[in-house]
PDB file of N, CA and C in Angstrom:
ATOM      1  N   MET A   1       0.430  -1.312  -0.137  1.00  0.00           N
ATOM      2  CA  MET A   1       0.258  -0.213   0.215  1.00  0.00           C
ATOM      3  C   MET A   1       0.804   1.312  -0.241  1.00  0.00           C
ATOM      4  N   ASN A   2       1.150   2.265  -1.181  1.00  0.00           N
ATOM      5  CA  ASN A   2       1.563   2.991  -1.042  1.00  0.00           C
ATOM      6  C   ASN A   2       0.401   4.344  -0.347  1.00  0.00           C
ATOM      7  N   ALA A   3       0.932   5.249   0.645  1.00  0.00           N
ATOM      8  CA  ALA A   3       0.543   6.818   1.626  1.00  0.00           C
ATOM      9  C   ALA A   3       0.943   7.232   1.105  1.00  0.00           C
ATOM     10  N   THR A   4       0.603   8.378   0.880  1.00  0.00           N
ATOM     11  CA  THR A   4       1.334  10.147   0.381  1.00  0.00           C
ATOM     12  C   THR A   4       0.778  10.626   2.238  1.00  0.00           C
ATOM     13  N   VAL A   5       1.866  11.839   2.687  1.00  0.00           N
ATOM     14  CA  VAL A   5       1.385  11.966   3.538  1.00  0.00           C
ATOM     15  C   VAL A   5       2.418  13.838   2.898  1.00  0.00           C
ATOM     16  N   SER A   6       1.408  14.800   3.183  1.00  0.00           N
ATOM     17  CA  SER A   6       1.891  15.903   3.118  1.00  0.00           C
ATOM     18  C   SER A   6       2.055  16.928   4.185  1.00  0.00           C
ATOM     19  N   ILE A   7       3.558  17.200   3.232  1.00  0.00           N
ATOM     20  CA  ILE A   7       4.603  17.970   4.421  1.00  0.00           C
ATOM     21  C   ILE A   7       4.337  19.494   3.691  1.00  0.00           C
ATOM     22  N   LEU A   8       4.481  20.086   4.827  1.00  0.00           N
ATOM     23  CA  LEU A   8       4.087  22.137   4.807  1.00  0.00           C
ATOM     24  C   LEU A   8       5.770  21.827   5.678  1.00  0.00           C
ATOM     25  N   ALA A   9       6.567  22.038   5.397  1.00  0.00           N
ATOM     26  CA  ALA A   9       8.111  22.725   5.467  1.00  0.00           C
ATOM     27  C   ALA A   9       8.895  24.651   5.268  1.00  0.00           C
ATOM     28  N   GLU A  10       8.762  25.764   5.692  1.00  0.00           N
ATOM     29  CA  GLU A  10       9.904  26.494   5.333  1.00  0.00           C
ATOM     30  C   GLU A  10      11.812  26.283   5.269  1.00  0.00           C
ATOM     31  N   ILE A  11      11.753  26.629   4.025  1.00  0.00           N
ATOM     32  CA  ILE A  11      13.122  26.568   3.849  1.00  0.00           C
ATOM     33  C   ILE A  11      13.540  27.477   3.190  1.00  0.00           C
ATOM     34  N   PRO A  12      14.886  28.193   3.631  1.00  0.00           N
ATOM     35  CA  PRO A  12      15.503  29.677   3.537  1.00  0.00           C
ATOM     36  C   PRO A  12      15.365  29.670   1.964  1.00  0.00           C
ATOM     37  N   GLU A  13      15.165  31.510   1.303  1.00  0.00           N
ATOM     38  CA  GLU A  13      15.137  31.573   0.221  1.00  0.00           C
ATOM     39  C   GLU A  13      16.130  31.398  -0.344  1.00  0.00           C
ATOM     40  N   GLU A  14      16.890  30.986  -0.308  1.00  0.00           N
ATOM     41  CA  GLU A  14      18.302  30.953  -1.728  1.00  0.00           C
ATOM     42  C   GLU A  14      17.866  29.049  -1.824  1.00  0.00           C
ATOM     43  N   LEU A  15      17.712  28.161  -0.553  1.00  0.00           N
ATOM     44  CA  LEU A  15      17.241  27.192  -1.613  1.00  0.00           C
ATOM     45  C   LEU A  15      16.468  26.783  -2.594  1.00  0.00           C
ATOM     46  N   HIS A  16      15.038  27.372  -1.745  1.00  0.00           N
ATOM     47  CA  HIS A  16      13.802  28.132  -3.023  1.00  0.00           C
ATOM     48  C   HIS A  16      14.517  28.528  -4.489  1.00  0.00           C
ATOM     49  N   GLU A  17      14.951  29.486  -4.131  1.00  0.00           N
ATOM     50  CA  GLU A  17      15.029  30.253  -5.781  1.00  0.00           C
ATOM     51  C   GLU A  17      16.469  29.097  -6.654  1.00  0.00           C
ATOM     52  N   SER A  18      17.306  28.623  -4.991  1.00  0.00           N
ATOM     53  CA  SER A  18      17.522  26.946  -6.428  1.00  0.00           C
ATOM     54  C   SER A  18      17.178  25.919  -7.056  1.00  0.00           C
ATOM     55  N   LEU A  19      15.974  25.609  -6.321  1.00  0.00           N
ATOM     56  CA  LEU A  19      14.625  24.389  -6.616  1.00  0.00           C
ATOM     57  C   LEU A  19      14.178  25.531  -7.988  1.00  0.00           C
ATOM     58  N   LYS A  20      14.272  26.367  -7.829  1.00  0.00           N
ATOM     59  CA  LYS A  20      12.959  27.189  -9.163  1.00  0.00           C
ATOM     60  C   LYS A  20      13.993  26.980  -9.563  1.00  0.00           C
ATOM     61  N   GLY A  21      14.990  27.353  -9.552  1.00  0.00           N
ATOM     62  CA  GLY A  21      16.245  27.401 -11.104  1.00  0.00           C
ATOM     63  C   GLY A  21      16.284  25.562 -11.164  1.00  0.00           C
ATOM     64  N   TYR A  22      16.220  24.822 -10.622  1.00  0.00           N
ATOM     65  CA  TYR A  22      16.294  23.335 -11.040  1.00  0.00           C
ATOM     66  C   TYR A  22      15.576  23.513 -11.790  1.00  0.00           C
ATOM     67  N   LEU A  23      13.855  23.181 -11.973  1.00  0.00           N
ATOM     68  CA  LEU A  23      12.632  23.306 -12.244  1.00  0.00           C
ATOM     69  C   LEU A  23      12.986  23.083 -13.493  1.00  0.00           C
ATOM     70  N   GLU A  24      13.309  24.805 -13.472  1.00  0.00           N
ATOM     71  CA  GLU A  24      12.723  25.597 -14.401  1.00  0.00           C
ATOM     72  C   GLU A  24      13.736  24.689 -15.957  1.00  0.00           C
ATOM     73  N   THR A  25      14.586  23.924 -15.497  1.00  0.00           N
ATOM     74  CA  THR A  25      15.031  23.316 -16.608  1.00  0.00           C
ATOM     75  C   THR A  25      15.453  21.983 -16.893  1.00  0.00           C
ATOM     76  N   HIS A  26      14.814  21.425 -15.375  1.00  0.00           N
ATOM     77  CA  HIS A  26      14.327  19.943 -15.760  1.00  0.00           C
ATOM     78  C   HIS A  26      12.862  19.709 -15.582  1.00  0.00           C
ATOM     79  N   PRO A  27      11.932  20.196 -17.046  1.00  0.00           N
ATOM     80  CA  PRO A  27      11.018  19.854 -16.868  1.00  0.00           C
ATOM     81  C   PRO A  27      10.266  18.262 -16.050  1.00  0.00           C
ATOM     82  N   ASP A  28      11.141  17.232 -16.267  1.00  0.00           N
ATOM     83  CA  ASP A  28      10.380  15.850 -15.796  1.00  0.00           C
ATOM     84  C   ASP A  28      10.795  16.146 -14.537  1.00  0.00           C
ATOM     85  N   TRP A  29      11.008  17.215 -13.666  1.00  0.00           N
ATOM     86  CA  TRP A  29      11.148  17.139 -12.253  1.00  0.00           C
ATOM     87  C   TRP A  29      10.003  17.544 -12.025  1.00  0.00           C
ATOM     88  N   ASP A  30       9.450  17.725 -10.403  1.00  0.00           N
ATOM     89  CA  ASP A  30       8.491  18.722  -9.974  1.00  0.00           C
ATOM     90  C   ASP A  30       8.907  18.790  -8.352  1.00  0.00           C
ATOM     91  N   GLN A  31       8.349  19.522  -7.610  1.00  0.00           N
ATOM     92  CA  GLN A  31       9.164  20.030  -6.686  1.00  0.00           C
ATOM     93  C   GLN A  31       8.196  19.055  -5.654  1.00  0.00           C
ATOM     94  N   ASP A  32       7.730  18.205  -5.354  1.00  0.00           N
ATOM     95  CA  ASP A  32       7.256  16.849  -4.829  1.00  0.00           C
ATOM     96  C   ASP A  32       8.487  15.574  -4.654  1.00  0.00           C
ATOM     97  N   ARG A  33       9.001  15.491  -6.144  1.00  0.00           N
ATOM     98  CA  ARG A  33       9.539  14.685  -6.699  1.00  0.00           C
ATOM     99  C   ARG A  33      11.008  14.925  -5.628  1.00  0.00           C
ATOM    100  N   VAL A  34      11.810  15.961  -5.958  1.00  0.00           N
ATOM    101  CA  VAL A  34      12.589  16.062  -5.599  1.00  0.00           C
ATOM    102  C   VAL A  34      12.813  16.464  -4.223  1.00  0.00           C
ATOM    103  N   PHE A  35      11.426  16.900  -3.615  1.00  0.00           N
ATOM    104  CA  PHE A  35      11.747  16.627  -1.935  1.00  0.00           C
ATOM    105  C   PHE A  35      11.896  14.384  -1.474  1.00  0.00           C
ATOM    106  N   VAL A  36      11.172  14.098  -2.101  1.00  0.00           N
ATOM    107  CA  VAL A  36      10.510  12.779  -2.013  1.00  0.00           C
ATOM    108  C   VAL A  36      11.950  11.950  -2.448  1.00  0.00           C
ATOM    109  N   ALA A  37      13.031  12.879  -2.795  1.00  0.00           N
ATOM    110  CA  ALA A  37      14.614  12.120  -3.098  1.00  0.00           C
ATOM    111  C   ALA A  37      15.453  12.795  -2.655  1.00  0.00           C
ATOM    112  N   SER A  38      15.294  14.151  -1.701  1.00  0.00           N
ATOM    113  CA  SER A  38      16.184  14.090  -0.857  1.00  0.00           C
ATOM    114  C   SER A  38      15.981  13.944   0.317  1.00  0.00           C
ATOM    115  N   LEU A  39      14.675  13.734   0.579  1.00  0.00           N
ATOM    116  CA  LEU A  39      14.642  13.466   2.002  1.00  0.00           C
ATOM    117  C   LEU A  39      15.055  11.759   1.659  1.00  0.00           C
ATOM    118  N   SER A  40      14.343  10.909   1.169  1.00  0.00           N
ATOM    119  CA  SER A  40      14.763   9.616   1.098  1.00  0.00           C
ATOM    120  C   SER A  40      16.560   9.581   0.882  1.00  0.00           C
ATOM    121  N   LEU A  41      17.214  10.410   0.224  1.00  0.00           N
ATOM    122  CA  LEU A  41      18.579  10.343   0.093  1.00  0.00           C
ATOM    123  C   LEU A  41      18.957   9.884   1.823  1.00  0.00           C
ATOM    124  N   PHE A  42      18.485  11.663   2.443  1.00  0.00           N
ATOM    125  CA  PHE A  42      19.370  11.711   3.483  1.00  0.00           C
ATOM    126  C   PHE A  42      19.168  10.754   4.469  1.00  0.00           C
ATOM    127  N   LEU A  43      17.374   9.857   4.471  1.00  0.00           N
ATOM    128  CA  LEU A  43      17.567   8.888   5.533  1.00  0.00           C
ATOM    129  C   LEU A  43      17.905   7.602   4.492  1.00  0.00           C
ATOM    130  N   LEU A  44      18.774   7.746   3.859  1.00  0.00           N
ATOM    131  CA  LEU A  44      19.729   6.266   2.931  1.00  0.00           C
ATOM    132  C   LEU A  44      20.996   7.020   3.960  1.00  0.00           C
ATOM    133  N   GLN A  45      21.832   7.811   3.722  1.00  0.00           N
ATOM    134  CA  GLN A  45      23.495   8.652   4.730  1.00  0.00           C
ATOM    135  C   GLN A  45      22.931   8.575   5.675  1.00  0.00           C
ATOM    136  N   ASN A  46      22.616   9.078   6.680  1.00  0.00           N
ATOM    137  CA  ASN A  46      21.897   8.737   8.212  1.00  0.00           C
ATOM    138  C   ASN A  46      21.282   7.577   8.889  1.00  0.00           C
ATOM    139  N   GLY A  47      20.815   6.591   8.413  1.00  0.00           N
ATOM    140  CA  GLY A  47      20.756   5.789   8.550  1.00  0.00           C
ATOM    141  C   GLY A  47      21.078   4.729   9.135  1.00  0.00           C
ATOM    142  N   SER A  48      20.696   3.574   9.208  1.00  0.00           N
ATOM    143  CA  SER A  48      21.771   2.343  10.183  1.00  0.00           C
ATOM    144  C   SER A  48      21.129   0.817  10.032  1.00  0.00           C
ATOM    145  N   SER A  49      21.272  -0.176   9.142  1.00  0.00           N
ATOM    146  CA  SER A  49      20.546  -1.234   9.629  1.00  0.00           C
ATOM    147  C   SER A  49      20.718  -2.313  10.330  1.00  0.00           C
ATOM    148  N   ASN A  50      20.951  -2.092  11.810  1.00  0.00           N
ATOM    149  CA  ASN A  50      21.770  -2.336  12.615  1.00  0.00           C
ATOM    150  C   ASN A  50      20.927  -3.741  13.588  1.00  0.00           C
ATOM    151  N   THR A  51      18.876  -3.681  12.851  1.00  0.00           N
ATOM    152  CA  THR A  51      17.811  -3.739  13.379  1.00  0.00           C
ATOM    153  C   THR A  51      18.015  -4.753  12.396  1.00  0.00           C
ATOM    154  N   ILE A  52      16.924  -5.511  12.670  1.00  0.00           N
ATOM    155  CA  ILE A  52      16.273  -5.859  11.016  1.00  0.00           C
ATOM    156  C   ILE A  52      15.018  -4.799  10.898  1.00  0.00           C
ATOM    157  N   ASP A  53      13.901  -3.853  11.799  1.00  0.00           N
ATOM    158  CA  ASP A  53      13.472  -3.269  11.607  1.00  0.00           C
ATOM    159  C   ASP A  53      14.402  -2.031  11.129  1.00  0.00           C
ATOM    160  N   ALA A  54      14.999  -1.390  11.392  1.00  0.00           N
ATOM    161  CA  ALA A  54      15.701  -0.517  10.848  1.00  0.00           C
ATOM    162  C   ALA A  54      16.444  -0.800   9.398  1.00  0.00           C
ATOM    163  N   SER A  55      17.094  -2.728   9.185  1.00  0.00           N
ATOM    164  CA  SER A  55      17.291  -2.689   7.237  1.00  0.00           C
ATOM    165  C   SER A  55      15.805  -3.151   6.699  1.00  0.00           C
ATOM    166  N   ARG A  56      14.874  -3.337   7.275  1.00  0.00           N
ATOM    167  CA  ARG A  56      13.605  -2.944   6.716  1.00  0.00           C
ATOM    168  C   ARG A  56      13.437  -1.996   6.529  1.00  0.00           C
ATOM    169  N   SER A  57      13.261  -0.540   7.025  1.00  0.00           N
ATOM    170  CA  SER A  57      13.738   0.537   6.839  1.00  0.00           C
ATOM    171  C   SER A  57      14.347   0.989   5.864  1.00  0.00           C
ATOM    172  N   TYR A  58      15.330   0.983   6.249  1.00  0.00           N
ATOM    173  CA  TYR A  58      16.876   1.135   4.846  1.00  0.00           C
ATOM    174  C   TYR A  58      15.997   0.643   3.990  1.00  0.00           C
ATOM    175  N   ARG A  59      15.885  -0.091   3.306  1.00  0.00           N
ATOM    176  CA  ARG A  59      15.612  -0.918   1.793  1.00  0.00           C
ATOM    177  C   ARG A  59      14.538  -0.341   1.433  1.00  0.00           C
ATOM    178  N   ARG A  60      13.456  -0.082   2.608  1.00  0.00           N
ATOM    179  CA  ARG A  60      12.072   0.857   1.985  1.00  0.00           C
ATOM    180  C   ARG A  60      12.548   2.463   1.413  1.00  0.00           C
ATOM    181  N   ALA A  61      13.441   2.919   2.317  1.00  0.00           N
ATOM    182  CA  ALA A  61      13.733   4.452   1.912  1.00  0.00           C
ATOM    183  C   ALA A  61      14.705   4.114   1.123  1.00  0.00           C
ATOM    184  N   ALA A  62      15.450   3.350   0.127  1.00  0.00           N
ATOM    185  CA  ALA A  62      16.152   3.132  -0.945  1.00  0.00           C
ATOM    186  C   ALA A  62      15.188   2.775  -2.289  1.00  0.00           C
ATOM    187  N   ARG A  63      13.807   2.137  -1.922  1.00  0.00           N
ATOM    188  CA  ARG A  63      12.953   2.169  -2.988  1.00  0.00           C
ATOM    189  C   ARG A  63      12.588   3.451  -3.659  1.00  0.00           C
ATOM    190  N   VAL A  64      12.360   3.841  -2.677  1.00  0.00           N
ATOM    191  CA  VAL A  64      11.539   5.463  -2.273  1.00  0.00           C
ATOM    192  C   VAL A  64      12.705   6.121  -3.848  1.00  0.00           C
ATOM    193  N   TYR A  65      13.755   6.182  -2.746  1.00  0.00           N
ATOM    194  CA  TYR A  65      14.811   7.117  -3.460  1.00  0.00           C
ATOM    195  C   TYR A  65      14.816   6.497  -5.411  1.00  0.00           C
ATOM    196  N   LEU A  66      15.350   5.071  -5.199  1.00  0.00           N
ATOM    197  CA  LEU A  66      15.320   5.007  -6.758  1.00  0.00           C
ATOM    198  C   LEU A  66      13.958   5.673  -7.649  1.00  0.00           C
ATOM    199  N   ASP A  67      12.844   4.989  -7.076  1.00  0.00           N
ATOM    200  CA  ASP A  67      11.741   5.024  -7.693  1.00  0.00           C
ATOM    201  C   ASP A  67      12.180   6.630  -7.767  1.00  0.00           C
ATOM    202  N   ALA A  68      12.336   7.410  -7.705  1.00  0.00           N
ATOM    203  CA  ALA A  68      11.933   8.979  -7.635  1.00  0.00           C
ATOM    204  C   ALA A  68      13.229   9.794  -8.329  1.00  0.00           C
ATOM    205  N   LEU A  69      14.186   9.107  -8.780  1.00  0.00           N
ATOM    206  CA  LEU A  69      15.365   9.058  -9.861  1.00  0.00           C
ATOM    207  C   LEU A  69      14.692   8.569 -10.754  1.00  0.00           C
ATOM    208  N   PHE A  70      14.746   7.672 -10.622  1.00  0.00           N
ATOM    209  CA  PHE A  70      13.908   6.864 -12.205  1.00  0.00           C
ATOM    210  C   PHE A  70      12.682   6.624 -12.360  1.00  0.00           C
ATOM    211  N   LYS A  71      11.849   7.525 -12.183  1.00  0.00           N
ATOM    212  CA  LYS A  71      10.273   8.143 -12.542  1.00  0.00           C
ATOM    213  C   LYS A  71      10.356   8.739 -14.125  1.00  0.00           C
ATOM    214  N   GLN A  72       9.419   8.322 -14.723  1.00  0.00           N
ATOM    215  CA  GLN A  72       9.207   8.655 -16.171  1.00  0.00           C
ATOM    216  C   GLN A  72       8.068   9.593 -16.072  1.00  0.00           C
ATOM    217  N   ALA A  73       8.748  10.147 -17.177  1.00  0.00           N
ATOM    218  CA  ALA A  73       6.600  11.657 -17.430  1.00  0.00           C
ATOM    219  C   ALA A  73       6.000  10.236 -17.365  1.00  0.00           C
ATOM    220  N   VAL A  74       5.330  11.354 -17.292  1.00  0.00           N
ATOM    221  CA  VAL A  74       3.203  10.745 -17.415  1.00  0.00           C
ATOM    222  C   VAL A  74       3.443  11.626 -18.100  1.00  0.00           C
TER     223      VAL A  74
END
């Protein structure tokens, strides 16, 4: 089951400007896809897989990250 959770976050203006510039030059990407890829990469880089639950969580984050990277535009 794929569930979507909406997140409201404040980001620095400089980061917002960079995001806008990126999205203008990469029409296959949208803000949600960038946030999903960024958050899942952060979790992969900073998580651990020392326990069975942590390992499952790590694999789920990896799957979401790869899905976000290789998602085809519809």
